[in-house]
PDB file of N, CA and C in Angstrom:
ATOM      1  N   MET A   1     -19.732 211.563   6.308  1.00  0.00           N
ATOM      2  CA  MET A   1     -19.327 212.063   7.648  1.00  0.00           C
ATOM      3  C   MET A   1     -18.084 211.225   8.058  1.00  0.00           C
ATOM      4  N   ILE A   2     -18.161 209.905   7.908  1.00  0.00           N
ATOM      5  CA  ILE A   2     -17.043 209.196   8.340  1.00  0.00           C
ATOM      6  C   ILE A   2     -15.775 209.381   7.358  1.00  0.00           C
ATOM      7  N   GLY A   3     -16.035 209.613   6.045  1.00  0.00           N
ATOM      8  CA  GLY A   3     -15.090 209.961   5.192  1.00  0.00           C
ATOM      9  C   GLY A   3     -14.349 211.346   5.461  1.00  0.00           C
ATOM     10  N   THR A   4     -15.245 212.184   5.999  1.00  0.00           N
ATOM     11  CA  THR A   4     -14.529 213.557   6.274  1.00  0.00           C
ATOM     12  C   THR A   4     -13.598 213.349   7.587  1.00  0.00           C
ATOM     13  N   VAL A   5     -13.985 212.594   8.547  1.00  0.00           N
ATOM     14  CA  VAL A   5     -13.250 212.203   9.797  1.00  0.00           C
ATOM     15  C   VAL A   5     -11.993 211.632   9.301  1.00  0.00           C
ATOM     16  N   VAL A   6     -12.017 210.684   8.544  1.00  0.00           N
ATOM     17  CA  VAL A   6     -10.768 209.847   8.065  1.00  0.00           C
ATOM     18  C   VAL A   6      -9.848 210.783   7.264  1.00  0.00           C
ATOM     19  N   GLY A   7     -10.520 211.748   6.478  1.00  0.00           N
ATOM     20  CA  GLY A   7      -9.660 212.790   5.618  1.00  0.00           C
ATOM     21  C   GLY A   7      -8.951 213.742   6.516  1.00  0.00           C
ATOM     22  N   VAL A   8      -9.599 214.041   7.632  1.00  0.00           N
ATOM     23  CA  VAL A   8      -9.105 215.149   8.484  1.00  0.00           C
ATOM     24  C   VAL A   8      -7.910 214.337   9.251  1.00  0.00           C
ATOM     25  N   ALA A   9      -7.961 213.131   9.647  1.00  0.00           N
ATOM     26  CA  ALA A   9      -6.985 212.444  10.253  1.00  0.00           C
ATOM     27  C   ALA A   9      -5.794 212.210   9.348  1.00  0.00           C
ATOM     28  N   VAL A  10      -6.051 211.853   8.180  1.00  0.00           N
ATOM     29  CA  VAL A  10      -5.026 211.615   7.069  1.00  0.00           C
ATOM     30  C   VAL A  10      -4.302 213.031   6.875  1.00  0.00           C
ATOM     31  N   LEU A  11      -5.121 214.091   6.821  1.00  0.00           N
ATOM     32  CA  LEU A  11      -4.561 215.342   6.573  1.00  0.00           C
ATOM     33  C   LEU A  11      -3.681 215.825   7.735  1.00  0.00           C
ATOM     34  N   GLY A  12      -3.993 215.485   8.900  1.00  0.00           N
ATOM     35  CA  GLY A  12      -3.081 215.672  10.105  1.00  0.00           C
ATOM     36  C   GLY A  12      -1.740 215.016  10.013  1.00  0.00           C
ATOM     37  N   VAL A  13      -1.836 213.815   9.603  1.00  0.00           N
ATOM     38  CA  VAL A  13      -0.575 212.967   9.368  1.00  0.00           C
ATOM     39  C   VAL A  13       0.214 213.515   8.395  1.00  0.00           C
ATOM     40  N   VAL A  14      -0.303 213.846   7.203  1.00  0.00           N
ATOM     41  CA  VAL A  14       0.344 214.263   6.168  1.00  0.00           C
ATOM     42  C   VAL A  14       0.960 215.577   6.295  1.00  0.00           C
ATOM     43  N   SER A  15       0.171 216.583   6.994  1.00  0.00           N
ATOM     44  CA  SER A  15       0.793 217.906   7.382  1.00  0.00           C
ATOM     45  C   SER A  15       2.033 217.712   8.302  1.00  0.00           C
ATOM     46  N   ARG A  16       1.985 216.866   9.078  1.00  0.00           N
ATOM     47  CA  ARG A  16       3.008 216.558  10.065  1.00  0.00           C
ATOM     48  C   ARG A  16       4.319 216.047   9.261  1.00  0.00           C
ATOM     49  N   GLU A  17       4.094 215.058   8.353  1.00  0.00           N
ATOM     50  CA  GLU A  17       5.099 214.474   7.517  1.00  0.00           C
ATOM     51  C   GLU A  17       5.788 215.560   6.623  1.00  0.00           C
ATOM     52  N   LEU A  18       4.839 216.273   6.040  1.00  0.00           N
ATOM     53  CA  LEU A  18       5.327 217.212   4.990  1.00  0.00           C
ATOM     54  C   LEU A  18       5.215 218.697   5.420  1.00  0.00           C
ATOM     55  N   ASP A  19       5.831 219.638   4.639  1.00  0.00           N
ATOM     56  CA  ASP A  19       5.684 221.066   4.998  1.00  0.00           C
ATOM     57  C   ASP A  19       4.691 221.614   3.982  1.00  0.00           C
ATOM     58  N   TYR A  20       3.795 220.834   3.476  1.00  0.00           N
ATOM     59  CA  TYR A  20       2.840 221.415   2.565  1.00  0.00           C
ATOM     60  C   TYR A  20       1.506 221.331   3.085  1.00  0.00           C
ATOM     61  N   SER A  21       1.290 221.720   4.484  1.00  0.00           N
ATOM     62  CA  SER A  21       0.126 221.569   5.097  1.00  0.00           C
ATOM     63  C   SER A  21      -0.867 222.539   4.508  1.00  0.00           C
ATOM     64  N   VAL A  22      -0.432 223.797   4.121  1.00  0.00           N
ATOM     65  CA  VAL A  22      -1.400 224.794   3.526  1.00  0.00           C
ATOM     66  C   VAL A  22      -1.856 224.224   2.216  1.00  0.00           C
ATOM     67  N   PHE A  23      -0.964 223.806   1.469  1.00  0.00           N
ATOM     68  CA  PHE A  23      -1.230 223.224   0.085  1.00  0.00           C
ATOM     69  C   PHE A  23      -2.265 222.035   0.157  1.00  0.00           C
ATOM     70  N   VAL A  24      -1.907 221.105   1.091  1.00  0.00           N
ATOM     71  CA  VAL A  24      -2.748 219.995   1.339  1.00  0.00           C
ATOM     72  C   VAL A  24      -4.054 220.239   1.759  1.00  0.00           C
ATOM     73  N   MET A  25      -4.143 221.346   2.837  1.00  0.00           N
ATOM     74  CA  MET A  25      -5.486 221.742   3.089  1.00  0.00           C
ATOM     75  C   MET A  25      -6.429 222.211   2.050  1.00  0.00           C
ATOM     76  N   PHE A  26      -5.674 223.062   1.264  1.00  0.00           N
ATOM     77  CA  PHE A  26      -6.475 223.638   0.090  1.00  0.00           C
ATOM     78  C   PHE A  26      -6.862 222.630  -0.870  1.00  0.00           C
ATOM     79  N   PHE A  27      -6.080 221.710  -1.248  1.00  0.00           N
ATOM     80  CA  PHE A  27      -6.391 220.554  -2.104  1.00  0.00           C
ATOM     81  C   PHE A  27      -7.384 219.825  -1.552  1.00  0.00           C
ATOM     82  N   PHE A  28      -7.321 219.214  -0.213  1.00  0.00           N
ATOM     83  CA  PHE A  28      -8.356 218.634   0.338  1.00  0.00           C
ATOM     84  C   PHE A  28      -9.658 219.323   0.454  1.00  0.00           C
ATOM     85  N   GLY A  29      -9.561 220.530   0.719  1.00  0.00           N
ATOM     86  CA  GLY A  29     -10.792 221.350   0.793  1.00  0.00           C
ATOM     87  C   GLY A  29     -11.527 221.532  -0.550  1.00  0.00           C
ATOM     88  N   ALA A  30     -10.819 221.727  -1.567  1.00  0.00           N
ATOM     89  CA  ALA A  30     -11.357 221.803  -2.969  1.00  0.00           C
ATOM     90  C   ALA A  30     -11.965 220.446  -3.317  1.00  0.00           C
ATOM     91  N   SER A  31     -11.297 219.356  -3.123  1.00  0.00           N
ATOM     92  CA  SER A  31     -11.872 218.101  -3.467  1.00  0.00           C
ATOM     93  C   SER A  31     -13.113 217.662  -2.538  1.00  0.00           C
ATOM     94  N   GLU A  32     -13.017 218.030  -1.397  1.00  0.00           N
ATOM     95  CA  GLU A  32     -14.155 217.959  -0.381  1.00  0.00           C
ATOM     96  C   GLU A  32     -15.582 218.609  -0.907  1.00  0.00           C
ATOM     97  N   VAL A  33     -15.175 219.899  -1.443  1.00  0.00           N
ATOM     98  CA  VAL A  33     -16.393 220.819  -1.824  1.00  0.00           C
ATOM     99  C   VAL A  33     -16.846 219.983  -3.112  1.00  0.00           C
ATOM    100  N   SER A  34     -15.980 219.711  -4.153  1.00  0.00           N
ATOM    101  CA  SER A  34     -16.491 219.037  -5.312  1.00  0.00           C
ATOM    102  C   SER A  34     -17.282 217.716  -5.042  1.00  0.00           C
ATOM    103  N   THR A  35     -16.699 217.120  -4.073  1.00  0.00           N
ATOM    104  CA  THR A  35     -17.491 215.739  -3.675  1.00  0.00           C
ATOM    105  C   THR A  35     -18.762 215.913  -3.008  1.00  0.00           C
ATOM    106  N   ILE A  36     -18.906 216.946  -2.257  1.00  0.00           N
ATOM    107  CA  ILE A  36     -20.199 217.342  -1.637  1.00  0.00           C
ATOM    108  C   ILE A  36     -21.298 217.973  -2.567  1.00  0.00           C
ATOM    109  N   SER A  37     -20.691 218.723  -3.560  1.00  0.00           N
ATOM    110  CA  SER A  37     -21.638 219.284  -4.509  1.00  0.00           C
ATOM    111  C   SER A  37     -22.028 218.182  -5.472  1.00  0.00           C
ATOM    112  N   THR A  38     -21.128 217.219  -5.801  1.00  0.00           N
ATOM    113  CA  THR A  38     -21.715 216.059  -6.675  1.00  0.00           C
ATOM    114  C   THR A  38     -22.797 215.256  -5.942  1.00  0.00           C
ATOM    115  N   ILE A  39     -22.531 214.973  -4.669  1.00  0.00           N
ATOM    116  CA  ILE A  39     -23.438 214.244  -3.899  1.00  0.00           C
ATOM    117  C   ILE A  39     -24.866 215.038  -3.710  1.00  0.00           C
ATOM    118  N   LEU A  40     -24.710 216.275  -3.705  1.00  0.00           N
ATOM    119  CA  LEU A  40     -25.854 217.062  -3.567  1.00  0.00           C
ATOM    120  C   LEU A  40     -26.727 217.078  -4.929  1.00  0.00           C
ATOM    121  N   LYS A  41     -26.135 217.079  -5.987  1.00  0.00           N
ATOM    122  CA  LYS A  41     -26.585 217.191  -7.274  1.00  0.00           C
ATOM    123  C   LYS A  41     -27.341 215.846  -7.536  1.00  0.00           C
ATOM    124  N   THR A  42     -26.544 214.583  -7.079  1.00  0.00           N
ATOM    125  CA  THR A  42     -27.150 213.300  -7.259  1.00  0.00           C
ATOM    126  C   THR A  42     -28.502 213.203  -6.372  1.00  0.00           C
ATOM    127  N   LYS A  43     -28.357 213.612  -5.197  1.00  0.00           N
ATOM    128  CA  LYS A  43     -29.628 213.626  -4.389  1.00  0.00           C
ATOM    129  C   LYS A  43     -30.681 214.423  -4.929  1.00  0.00           C
ATOM    130  N   CYS A  44     -30.494 215.564  -5.496  1.00  0.00           N
ATOM    131  CA  CYS A  44     -31.408 216.512  -6.030  1.00  0.00           C
ATOM    132  C   CYS A  44     -32.145 215.761  -7.172  1.00  0.00           C
ATOM    133  N   ARG A  45     -31.458 214.917  -7.971  1.00  0.00           N
ATOM    134  CA  ARG A  45     -32.060 214.226  -9.037  1.00  0.00           C
ATOM    135  C   ARG A  45     -32.714 212.985  -8.556  1.00  0.00           C
TER     136      ARG A  45
END
């Protein structure tokens, strides 16, 4: 949960600094989903 909050804060700064906000959001979202699925798989085992 804390990591997500930090990630969103970093994302906000990055999207202000750069004009790649859509690309960054997509990249962050994809990495977030893969991280969550990895955690869920680990917990299921």
